Amino acid sequence: MRDPMSWSIPLFRAFGIQVKLHILYIIITLAMLLRVYTQTGSKGHLAEFALIWVLMLFIIVLIHEFGHCFAARRVEGEADEILMWPLGGLAYCNVPHTPRANLITTAGGPAVNVGFCLLSGALLAAVGYLPPINIFESRQLYYPELHNWQTGVDAKPYPDAPYFVTVDGNRRVAATRYFDQKDGTYLVDDPAKPGEMLRVKLTESEPYPSWVLWTARFFWMNWLLLLFNLIPAFPLDGGRLLQAILWGRTGDYRSATQVACWSGLVTALLFLLVSFWINDALFLGMGVFIMFTSYQQLMILERGTLDEGSFGYDFSKGYGGFGPDEDAPAPKTRRVGPIKRWLQTRRARRLQKEVERRASDERRLDELLDKISRTGKESLTPEERRFMDRVSARYRNRP
């Protein structure tokens, strides 16, 4: 119970990867559903909102994490666990300590969202609809308003869904609440001027099929997650891509990581400002998480050890970790706080797991070498050959 990351429930195992669900994921999902219900006040579409937040989002994030795992295996790394938690997912991978391996492993997740966007966008375009690309209009997730470029007509998700334009007819307006006026017009919140009302009128539009509605929602959510993940801030995928690219160009892991972490700290401050501005708890949580992880990584560099970040990469010693500076003065003894104790316990547990795994690999390697000496290399199975290639690659990357 001292490790908050262990508060999880095993769901299933696929491709040799254990998928777990964090307890807080369930609590926050229920809270978000309650928030949507109280904001919309519509019981008729609550089931659809539940499918969006509980099922569709879960599947997209889970396959995104599988993308990281498969990419890690592609570079002769290992992946054995995925944790679904309130701020997304964590893929616990172990890859060689090289820029290429880190770049490919990190890119595996966003590549999944790119593929989903291309597929769903192509399906919408095939029937004449332009996919919703405005990520700043969250209404597009619930009531995507699509334009049919073949007929030139705007479309709406339901026959009874209100569809507004300004009184002069020059601009569409998305609104979750509206007020009837005696002259047949409506007052809605002005999206360009918070706190002010805008006079609009209803206009005719065609409803589109339900599969188009769900495809548009699927596109919008993947598009949002892709752009958000590519923000160049550690530990998001964009920050890790920045770290890997700088590492590959300069050959200096430390400076590349510092740049990515400082970018993460600046981004975290922006997230915190936005969270207080729009009063959004999700932005607040992301800002705190990015700030804590970036600061933690900077402290790891200062102590002279390597990353054990959000992907669970273990880069300590065996993968070319930075050793302590022998000329540096001995640090002053400080009282260890609860967060630092948790980090130390987690790191020790991972190191112990790594030692046991390597000992098991060495025992099996000895058995396979003995088998080769007795019956020849041709007697090895494909799985045994892959195992020997992976272990050999790991030993080649050791300092």
Protein backbone atom coordinates (compact mmCIF):
# COMPACT_ATOMS: atom_id res chain seq x y z
CA MET A 1 0.00 0.00 0.00
CA ARG A 2 2.99 2.34 0.25
CA ASP A 3 3.33 2.33 -3.54
CA PRO A 4 0.38 4.27 -5.10
CA MET A 5 1.16 2.78 -8.50
CA SER A 6 0.34 -0.69 -7.10
CA TRP A 7 -3.29 0.25 -6.41
CA SER A 8 -4.43 -1.55 -9.52
CA ILE A 9 -6.56 -4.48 -10.67
CA PRO A 10 -5.24 -7.04 -13.19
CA LEU A 11 -7.58 -7.08 -16.21
CA PHE A 12 -6.12 -9.50 -18.75
CA ARG A 13 -2.91 -10.60 -20.46
CA ALA A 14 -2.35 -10.26 -24.21
CA PHE A 15 0.79 -10.87 -26.30
CA GLY A 16 2.65 -11.63 -23.08
CA ILE A 17 1.74 -8.20 -21.63
CA GLN A 18 -0.21 -7.85 -18.38
CA VAL A 19 -2.82 -5.06 -18.51
CA LYS A 20 -3.79 -3.50 -15.17
CA LEU A 21 -6.39 -0.87 -14.26
CA HIS A 22 -5.64 1.66 -11.53
CA ILE A 23 -8.29 2.19 -8.85
CA LEU A 24 -8.24 5.97 -9.39
CA TYR A 25 -9.04 5.42 -13.08
CA ILE A 26 -12.42 3.99 -12.08
CA ILE A 27 -13.13 6.79 -9.59
CA ILE A 28 -12.22 9.63 -11.95
CA THR A 29 -14.12 8.05 -14.86
CA LEU A 30 -17.27 7.93 -12.73
CA ALA A 31 -16.69 11.56 -11.70
CA MET A 32 -16.34 12.66 -15.34
CA LEU A 33 -19.55 10.86 -16.28
CA LEU A 34 -21.35 12.58 -13.41
CA ARG A 35 -19.95 15.93 -14.55
CA VAL A 36 -21.14 15.38 -18.12
CA TYR A 37 -24.58 14.32 -16.88
CA THR A 38 -25.01 17.40 -14.69
CA GLN A 39 -23.77 19.77 -17.40
CA THR A 40 -25.93 18.42 -20.23
CA GLY A 41 -28.97 17.52 -18.17
CA SER A 42 -29.86 15.03 -20.89
CA LYS A 43 -30.61 11.47 -19.81
CA GLY A 44 -31.28 10.41 -23.39
CA HIS A 45 -27.66 10.67 -24.51
CA LEU A 46 -25.97 9.70 -21.24
CA ALA A 47 -25.34 6.16 -22.52
CA GLU A 48 -23.47 7.60 -25.51
CA PHE A 49 -21.31 9.77 -23.26
CA ALA A 50 -20.53 6.67 -21.18
CA LEU A 51 -19.48 4.78 -24.30
CA ILE A 52 -17.20 7.67 -25.29
CA TRP A 53 -15.43 8.05 -21.94
CA VAL A 54 -15.49 4.46 -20.69
CA LEU A 55 -15.09 2.37 -23.83
CA MET A 56 -13.74 4.42 -26.74
CA LEU A 57 -11.17 6.40 -24.75
CA PHE A 58 -10.02 3.28 -22.92
CA ILE A 59 -9.52 1.33 -26.17
CA ILE A 60 -7.64 4.17 -27.88
CA VAL A 61 -5.25 4.71 -24.97
CA LEU A 62 -4.73 0.97 -24.48
CA ILE A 63 -3.83 0.37 -28.15
CA HIS A 64 -1.56 3.44 -27.97
CA GLU A 65 0.36 1.76 -25.14
CA PHE A 66 0.50 -1.52 -27.04
CA GLY A 67 2.10 0.50 -29.82
CA HIS A 68 4.92 1.45 -27.43
CA CYS A 69 5.31 -2.19 -26.36
CA PHE A 70 5.46 -3.60 -29.88
CA ALA A 71 7.93 -0.88 -30.90
CA ALA A 72 10.11 -1.78 -27.89
CA ARG A 73 10.17 -5.41 -28.97
CA ARG A 74 11.03 -4.26 -32.50
CA VAL A 75 14.33 -2.84 -31.21
CA GLU A 76 15.16 -6.00 -29.24
CA GLY A 77 13.69 -4.62 -26.05
CA GLU A 78 11.12 -6.10 -23.69
CA ALA A 79 7.64 -5.07 -22.57
CA ASP A 80 5.62 -6.95 -19.99
CA GLU A 81 3.09 -4.59 -18.37
CA ILE A 82 0.65 -1.78 -19.15
CA LEU A 83 -1.00 0.27 -16.41
CA MET A 84 -4.15 2.26 -17.24
CA TRP A 85 -4.30 5.12 -14.80
CA PRO A 86 -6.18 8.47 -14.53
CA LEU A 87 -3.81 10.47 -16.77
CA GLY A 88 -3.63 7.92 -19.58
CA GLY A 89 -1.51 4.79 -19.74
CA LEU A 90 1.98 3.64 -18.77
CA ALA A 91 3.82 1.01 -20.81
CA TYR A 92 6.61 -0.60 -18.78
CA CYS A 93 9.33 -1.31 -21.34
CA ASN A 94 13.02 -2.15 -21.16
CA VAL A 95 14.99 -1.14 -24.26
CA PRO A 96 18.68 -0.74 -25.16
CA HIS A 97 20.20 2.55 -24.03
CA THR A 98 20.51 4.06 -27.52
CA PRO A 99 18.84 7.07 -29.18
CA ARG A 100 17.43 4.91 -31.96
CA ALA A 101 15.81 2.42 -29.59
CA ASN A 102 14.24 5.19 -27.52
CA LEU A 103 13.06 7.10 -30.60
CA ILE A 104 11.37 4.05 -32.14
CA THR A 105 9.80 2.96 -28.85
CA THR A 106 8.42 6.43 -28.18
CA ALA A 107 7.11 6.87 -31.73
CA GLY A 108 5.21 3.58 -31.57
CA GLY A 109 2.40 5.13 -29.50
CA PRO A 110 1.66 8.25 -31.63
CA ALA A 111 1.93 6.07 -34.75
CA VAL A 112 -1.20 4.25 -33.56
CA ASN A 113 -3.15 7.53 -33.31
CA VAL A 114 -1.89 8.63 -36.73
CA GLY A 115 -3.15 5.38 -38.23
CA PHE A 116 -6.55 5.75 -36.54
CA CYS A 117 -6.87 9.37 -37.76
CA LEU A 118 -6.00 8.41 -41.33
CA LEU A 119 -8.45 5.50 -41.31
CA SER A 120 -11.41 7.35 -39.75
CA GLY A 121 -10.71 10.53 -41.75
CA ALA A 122 -10.65 8.52 -44.99
CA LEU A 123 -13.99 6.88 -44.11
CA LEU A 124 -15.59 10.29 -43.50
CA ALA A 125 -14.11 11.76 -46.69
CA ALA A 126 -15.33 8.77 -48.70
CA VAL A 127 -18.96 9.75 -47.98
CA GLY A 128 -18.32 13.47 -48.41
CA TYR A 129 -17.79 14.71 -44.83
CA LEU A 130 -14.83 16.77 -43.67
CA PRO A 131 -13.45 15.41 -40.36
CA PRO A 132 -13.65 17.71 -37.30
CA ILE A 133 -10.14 19.08 -36.68
CA ASN A 134 -10.87 21.90 -34.23
CA ILE A 135 -9.53 20.48 -30.95
CA PHE A 136 -10.48 23.63 -29.04
CA GLU A 137 -14.20 22.95 -29.48
CA SER A 138 -14.95 20.06 -27.12
CA ARG A 139 -18.56 20.03 -28.36
CA GLN A 140 -17.24 18.26 -31.45
CA LEU A 141 -16.74 15.15 -29.32
CA TYR A 142 -20.42 14.96 -28.39
CA TYR A 143 -22.20 16.74 -31.25
CA PRO A 144 -19.79 16.90 -34.20
CA GLU A 145 -21.06 19.35 -36.83
CA LEU A 146 -19.84 18.16 -40.20
CA HIS A 147 -19.82 19.81 -43.62
CA ASN A 148 -20.63 17.70 -46.67
CA TRP A 149 -18.31 18.97 -49.38
CA GLN A 150 -20.16 16.95 -52.04
CA THR A 151 -23.58 18.52 -51.42
CA GLY A 152 -22.39 21.76 -49.79
CA VAL A 153 -24.78 21.21 -46.86
CA ASP A 154 -23.85 21.29 -43.18
CA ALA A 155 -24.92 18.27 -41.13
CA LYS A 156 -25.84 17.54 -37.52
CA PRO A 157 -25.83 14.34 -35.40
CA TYR A 158 -29.55 14.13 -34.51
CA PRO A 159 -32.74 15.35 -36.20
CA ASP A 160 -33.74 17.17 -33.01
CA ALA A 161 -30.31 18.71 -32.36
CA PRO A 162 -30.42 22.54 -32.57
CA TYR A 163 -28.17 24.03 -35.22
CA PHE A 164 -27.38 27.73 -34.95
CA VAL A 165 -25.90 30.43 -37.14
CA THR A 166 -25.49 34.13 -36.45
CA VAL A 167 -28.39 36.37 -37.41
CA ASP A 168 -26.56 37.52 -40.55
CA GLY A 169 -25.93 33.85 -41.45
CA ASN A 170 -22.16 34.27 -41.80
CA ARG A 171 -20.94 32.08 -38.93
CA ARG A 172 -21.90 28.76 -37.36
CA VAL A 173 -22.26 28.72 -33.59
CA ALA A 174 -21.96 25.64 -31.36
CA ALA A 175 -23.90 25.98 -28.10
CA THR A 176 -24.78 23.63 -25.25
CA ARG A 177 -27.45 25.98 -23.84
CA TYR A 178 -29.75 28.49 -25.53
CA PHE A 179 -32.60 30.84 -24.59
CA ASP A 180 -35.72 31.46 -26.69
CA GLN A 181 -36.56 35.04 -27.67
CA LYS A 182 -39.95 36.46 -28.68
CA ASP A 183 -38.79 37.31 -32.20
CA GLY A 184 -37.90 33.67 -32.97
CA THR A 185 -34.16 34.05 -32.36
CA TYR A 186 -32.05 32.60 -29.54
CA LEU A 187 -29.39 33.84 -27.15
CA VAL A 188 -26.32 31.64 -26.65
CA ASP A 189 -22.93 32.07 -24.97
CA ASP A 190 -20.57 33.92 -27.29
CA PRO A 191 -17.51 31.62 -27.79
CA ALA A 192 -15.39 34.64 -28.79
CA LYS A 193 -16.38 36.78 -25.78
CA PRO A 194 -16.74 34.81 -22.52
CA GLY A 195 -19.53 36.12 -20.32
CA GLU A 196 -21.46 37.75 -23.19
CA MET A 197 -24.46 36.50 -25.14
CA LEU A 198 -24.81 36.22 -28.90
CA ARG A 199 -28.06 36.41 -30.89
CA VAL A 200 -28.46 33.47 -33.28
CA LYS A 201 -31.14 31.72 -35.32
CA LEU A 202 -31.91 28.15 -36.26
CA THR A 203 -31.02 26.92 -39.71
CA GLU A 204 -31.87 23.84 -41.70
CA SER A 205 -29.32 21.01 -41.83
CA GLU A 206 -29.37 17.32 -42.60
CA PRO A 207 -28.78 14.60 -40.00
CA TYR A 208 -26.07 12.09 -40.83
CA PRO A 209 -25.97 8.32 -40.13
CA SER A 210 -25.02 7.11 -36.66
CA TRP A 211 -21.86 5.39 -37.95
CA VAL A 212 -20.69 8.78 -39.28
CA LEU A 213 -21.33 10.27 -35.83
CA TRP A 214 -19.17 7.65 -34.08
CA THR A 215 -16.47 7.80 -36.75
CA ALA A 216 -16.26 11.58 -36.31
CA ARG A 217 -16.02 11.17 -32.55
CA PHE A 218 -13.32 8.52 -32.98
CA PHE A 219 -11.35 10.83 -35.30
CA TRP A 220 -11.64 13.84 -32.98
CA MET A 221 -10.48 11.95 -29.90
CA ASN A 222 -7.49 10.41 -31.70
CA TRP A 223 -6.60 13.77 -33.21
CA LEU A 224 -6.75 15.45 -29.79
CA LEU A 225 -4.66 12.76 -28.09
CA LEU A 226 -2.10 12.82 -30.92
CA LEU A 227 -1.55 16.58 -30.76
CA PHE A 228 -1.52 16.60 -26.97
CA ASN A 229 1.01 13.75 -26.79
CA LEU A 230 3.31 15.50 -29.25
CA ILE A 231 3.75 18.54 -26.98
CA PRO A 232 7.57 18.69 -26.55
CA ALA A 233 7.47 18.29 -22.77
CA PHE A 234 8.91 15.44 -20.73
CA PRO A 235 7.48 12.85 -20.02
CA LEU A 236 4.94 13.15 -22.85
CA ASP A 237 5.76 11.38 -26.10
CA GLY A 238 6.73 14.71 -27.66
CA GLY A 239 9.23 15.37 -24.87
CA ARG A 240 10.75 11.91 -25.22
CA LEU A 241 10.97 12.32 -29.00
CA LEU A 242 12.75 15.64 -28.44
CA GLN A 243 15.10 13.94 -25.97
CA ALA A 244 15.89 11.08 -28.38
CA ILE A 245 16.45 13.41 -31.35
CA LEU A 246 18.79 15.72 -29.41
CA TRP A 247 20.56 12.71 -27.93
CA GLY A 248 21.13 11.26 -31.40
CA ARG A 249 22.40 14.55 -32.85
CA THR A 250 24.69 15.54 -29.97
CA GLY A 251 25.57 12.15 -28.49
CA ASP A 252 24.99 13.65 -25.02
CA TYR A 253 22.18 11.93 -23.11
CA ARG A 254 22.42 14.26 -20.12
CA SER A 255 22.03 17.56 -21.99
CA ALA A 256 19.24 16.14 -24.19
CA THR A 257 17.32 15.02 -21.12
CA GLN A 258 17.83 18.38 -19.41
CA VAL A 259 16.38 20.24 -22.40
CA ALA A 260 13.33 17.93 -22.47
CA CYS A 261 12.82 18.31 -18.71
CA TRP A 262 13.05 22.10 -18.74
CA SER A 263 10.57 22.12 -21.60
CA GLY A 264 8.35 19.97 -19.40
CA LEU A 265 8.62 22.40 -16.47
CA VAL A 266 7.66 25.36 -18.66
CA THR A 267 4.74 23.42 -20.12
CA ALA A 268 3.61 22.38 -16.62
CA LEU A 269 3.48 26.03 -15.54
CA LEU A 270 1.33 26.86 -18.58
CA PHE A 271 -0.98 23.95 -17.74
CA LEU A 272 -1.34 25.17 -14.17
CA LEU A 273 -2.17 28.70 -15.36
CA VAL A 274 -4.79 27.37 -17.77
CA SER A 275 -6.28 25.10 -15.09
CA PHE A 276 -6.89 28.06 -12.77
CA TRP A 277 -8.11 30.21 -15.66
CA ILE A 278 -10.78 27.77 -16.89
CA ASN A 279 -11.21 25.96 -13.53
CA ASP A 280 -10.41 22.52 -14.95
CA ALA A 281 -9.12 19.75 -12.68
CA LEU A 282 -7.76 17.68 -15.60
CA PHE A 283 -5.34 20.42 -16.65
CA LEU A 284 -4.33 20.83 -13.01
CA GLY A 285 -3.56 17.11 -12.68
CA MET A 286 -1.56 17.05 -15.92
CA GLY A 287 0.41 20.12 -14.89
CA VAL A 288 1.31 18.63 -11.51
CA PHE A 289 2.23 15.29 -13.10
CA ILE A 290 4.46 16.85 -15.78
CA MET A 291 6.14 19.15 -13.26
CA PHE A 292 6.78 16.33 -10.77
CA THR A 293 8.13 13.92 -13.40
CA SER A 294 10.38 16.53 -15.04
CA TYR A 295 11.76 17.65 -11.69
CA GLN A 296 12.27 14.03 -10.62
CA GLN A 297 14.24 13.32 -13.81
CA LEU A 298 16.46 16.38 -13.28
CA MET A 299 17.20 15.19 -9.75
CA ILE A 300 18.08 11.73 -11.08
CA LEU A 301 20.60 13.35 -13.43
CA GLU A 302 22.05 15.39 -10.58
CA ARG A 303 22.50 12.25 -8.49
CA GLY A 304 24.32 10.60 -11.39
CA THR A 305 21.84 7.81 -12.16
CA LEU A 306 19.80 7.25 -15.27
CA ASP A 307 16.15 7.39 -16.19
CA GLU A 308 13.48 5.20 -14.74
CA GLY A 309 10.70 7.33 -16.13
CA SER A 310 7.10 6.96 -17.09
CA PHE A 311 7.70 4.14 -19.55
CA GLY A 312 9.48 2.21 -16.82
CA TYR A 313 12.78 2.11 -18.73
CA ASP A 314 15.53 0.87 -16.47
CA PHE A 315 18.69 2.64 -17.62
CA SER A 316 20.71 2.17 -14.45
CA LYS A 317 24.27 0.84 -14.72
CA GLY A 318 23.60 -2.19 -16.95
CA TYR A 319 22.46 0.08 -19.78
CA GLY A 320 25.29 2.60 -19.52
CA GLY A 321 24.19 4.70 -16.59
CA PHE A 322 26.04 7.79 -15.47
CA GLY A 323 28.20 7.05 -12.46
CA PRO A 324 28.74 9.52 -9.64
CA ASP A 325 31.42 12.14 -9.99
CA GLU A 326 34.40 10.88 -7.99
CA ASP A 327 35.78 14.40 -7.49
CA ALA A 328 32.53 15.78 -6.14
CA PRO A 329 32.24 16.34 -2.38
CA ALA A 330 30.15 13.90 -0.41
CA PRO A 331 26.55 15.10 -0.19
CA LYS A 332 25.12 16.13 3.13
CA THR A 333 22.92 13.62 4.85
CA ARG A 334 19.30 14.62 4.58
CA ARG A 335 16.15 13.18 6.02
CA VAL A 336 14.39 11.06 3.44
CA GLY A 337 10.80 12.17 2.80
CA PRO A 338 7.84 9.90 1.98
CA ILE A 339 7.95 10.61 -1.79
CA LYS A 340 11.69 9.92 -1.96
CA ARG A 341 11.24 6.71 0.04
CA TRP A 342 8.56 5.61 -2.40
CA LEU A 343 10.87 6.34 -5.36
CA GLN A 344 13.76 4.49 -3.72
CA THR A 345 11.56 1.48 -2.93
CA ARG A 346 10.22 1.40 -6.47
CA ARG A 347 13.73 1.67 -7.94
CA ALA A 348 15.07 -1.08 -5.68
CA ARG A 349 12.19 -3.34 -6.63
CA ARG A 350 12.85 -2.80 -10.33
CA LEU A 351 16.57 -3.39 -9.89
CA GLN A 352 15.86 -6.65 -8.07
CA LYS A 353 13.49 -7.70 -10.84
CA GLU A 354 16.15 -6.87 -13.44
CA VAL A 355 18.81 -8.88 -11.59
CA GLU A 356 16.49 -11.91 -11.39
CA ARG A 357 15.55 -11.60 -15.07
CA ARG A 358 19.18 -11.42 -16.18
CA ALA A 359 20.13 -14.37 -14.01
CA SER A 360 17.30 -16.37 -15.60
CA ASP A 361 18.43 -15.28 -19.09
CA GLU A 362 22.01 -16.35 -18.35
CA ARG A 363 20.88 -19.77 -17.14
CA ARG A 364 18.82 -20.30 -20.24
CA LEU A 365 21.65 -19.02 -22.45
CA ASP A 366 23.99 -21.60 -20.91
CA GLU A 367 21.43 -24.32 -21.63
CA LEU A 368 21.09 -23.23 -25.27
CA LEU A 369 24.86 -23.07 -25.74
CA ASP A 370 25.10 -26.59 -24.37
CA LYS A 371 22.36 -27.66 -26.77
CA ILE A 372 24.25 -26.12 -29.70
CA SER A 373 27.45 -27.91 -28.72
CA ARG A 374 25.60 -31.24 -28.64
CA THR A 375 23.17 -31.03 -31.58
CA GLY A 376 24.26 -28.00 -33.60
CA LYS A 377 22.76 -24.54 -34.13
CA GLU A 378 20.16 -25.90 -36.58
CA SER A 379 18.39 -27.64 -33.69
CA LEU A 380 17.32 -24.32 -32.17
CA THR A 381 13.65 -23.34 -32.49
CA PRO A 382 12.72 -19.88 -33.90
CA GLU A 383 11.84 -18.67 -30.40
CA GLU A 384 15.23 -19.84 -29.05
CA ARG A 385 17.00 -18.04 -31.90
CA ARG A 386 15.15 -14.81 -31.13
CA PHE A 387 16.04 -15.18 -27.46
CA MET A 388 19.75 -15.59 -28.26
CA ASP A 389 19.67 -12.61 -30.65
CA ARG A 390 18.02 -10.42 -28.00
CA VAL A 391 20.48 -11.40 -25.28
CA SER A 392 23.43 -10.96 -27.64
CA ALA A 393 22.22 -7.47 -28.62
CA ARG A 394 21.91 -6.54 -24.96
CA TYR A 395 25.46 -7.63 -24.20
CA ARG A 396 26.76 -5.71 -27.23
CA ASN A 397 25.21 -2.49 -25.88
CA ARG A 398 26.76 -2.86 -22.44
CA PRO A 399 29.63 -0.43 -21.70
